[in-house]
Amino acid sequence: MQEKMNWKPFIIFYVKTTSWIIFPLLLGLLLAKYIRNTYGSQTLFLACLMLGFGITCFGIYREIKNYKKDLDGK
């Protein structure tokens, strides 16, 4: 007899990783636009976007590491 699959852990993992993609990049973009309009610096604009991308990469790596640890523990 086939067991019923529990989708809740997969959905939670998907939401967490998606939020790590959207929020840091969106905040970096908003901060970068503010800095570019205030100071007129293209370099600071790119630095803010790169910082947001770095935070996104770190967050996704952390979530995958935690998810893998949870799977190994079960």
Protein backbone atom coordinates (compact mmCIF):
# COMPACT_ATOMS: atom_id res chain seq x y z
CA MET A 1 0.00 0.00 0.00
CA GLN A 2 1.34 3.39 -0.97
CA GLU A 3 1.77 5.95 1.82
CA LYS A 4 0.29 9.39 1.41
CA MET A 5 3.06 11.91 0.68
CA ASN A 6 3.37 14.89 3.01
CA TRP A 7 3.98 18.01 0.91
CA LYS A 8 4.32 20.46 3.80
CA PRO A 9 8.17 20.25 4.17
CA PHE A 10 8.65 20.74 0.43
CA ILE A 11 6.34 23.75 0.30
CA ILE A 12 8.06 25.33 3.33
CA PHE A 13 11.47 24.80 1.72
CA TYR A 14 10.23 26.35 -1.53
CA VAL A 15 8.80 29.41 0.24
CA LYS A 16 11.98 29.95 2.26
CA THR A 17 14.29 29.74 -0.74
CA THR A 18 12.02 31.94 -2.84
CA SER A 19 11.92 34.57 -0.12
CA TRP A 20 15.74 34.52 0.00
CA ILE A 21 15.71 35.30 -3.71
CA ILE A 22 13.10 38.04 -3.72
CA PHE A 23 13.59 40.13 -0.57
CA PRO A 24 17.37 40.80 -0.51
CA LEU A 25 17.49 41.57 -4.22
CA LEU A 26 14.42 43.81 -4.00
CA LEU A 27 15.83 45.68 -1.01
CA GLY A 28 19.20 45.99 -2.74
CA LEU A 29 17.52 47.37 -5.84
CA LEU A 30 15.51 49.92 -3.86
CA LEU A 31 18.59 51.01 -1.90
CA ALA A 32 20.62 51.20 -5.09
CA LYS A 33 18.01 53.38 -6.82
CA TYR A 34 17.91 55.68 -3.80
CA ILE A 35 21.72 55.97 -3.74
CA ARG A 36 21.91 56.55 -7.49
CA ASN A 37 19.26 59.28 -7.34
CA THR A 38 20.81 60.91 -4.27
CA TYR A 39 24.52 60.69 -5.06
CA GLY A 40 24.49 59.94 -8.78
CA SER A 41 27.04 57.17 -8.37
CA GLN A 42 26.81 54.17 -10.68
CA THR A 43 29.51 52.37 -8.65
CA LEU A 44 27.46 52.47 -5.44
CA PHE A 45 24.43 51.33 -7.42
CA LEU A 46 26.28 48.23 -8.60
CA ALA A 47 27.77 47.63 -5.14
CA CYS A 48 24.28 47.59 -3.58
CA LEU A 49 23.04 45.14 -6.20
CA MET A 50 26.07 42.90 -5.65
CA LEU A 51 25.51 43.02 -1.88
CA GLY A 52 21.88 41.96 -2.36
CA PHE A 53 22.97 39.12 -4.63
CA GLY A 54 25.58 37.99 -2.08
CA ILE A 55 22.99 37.94 0.70
CA THR A 56 20.69 35.93 -1.55
CA CYS A 57 23.40 33.35 -2.27
CA PHE A 58 24.25 33.03 1.42
CA GLY A 59 20.60 32.62 2.43
CA ILE A 60 19.90 29.95 -0.18
CA TYR A 61 23.07 28.07 0.79
CA ARG A 62 22.04 28.17 4.47
CA GLU A 63 18.52 26.93 3.73
CA ILE A 64 19.81 24.05 1.58
CA LYS A 65 22.31 23.09 4.28
CA ASN A 66 19.59 23.08 6.97
CA TYR A 67 17.21 21.13 4.73
CA LYS A 68 19.87 18.52 3.99
CA LYS A 69 20.64 18.21 7.71
CA ASP A 70 16.94 17.69 8.43
CA LEU A 71 16.70 14.99 5.73
CA ASP A 72 19.77 13.18 7.04
CA GLY A 73 18.34 13.25 10.56
CA LYS A 74 15.11 11.53 9.55
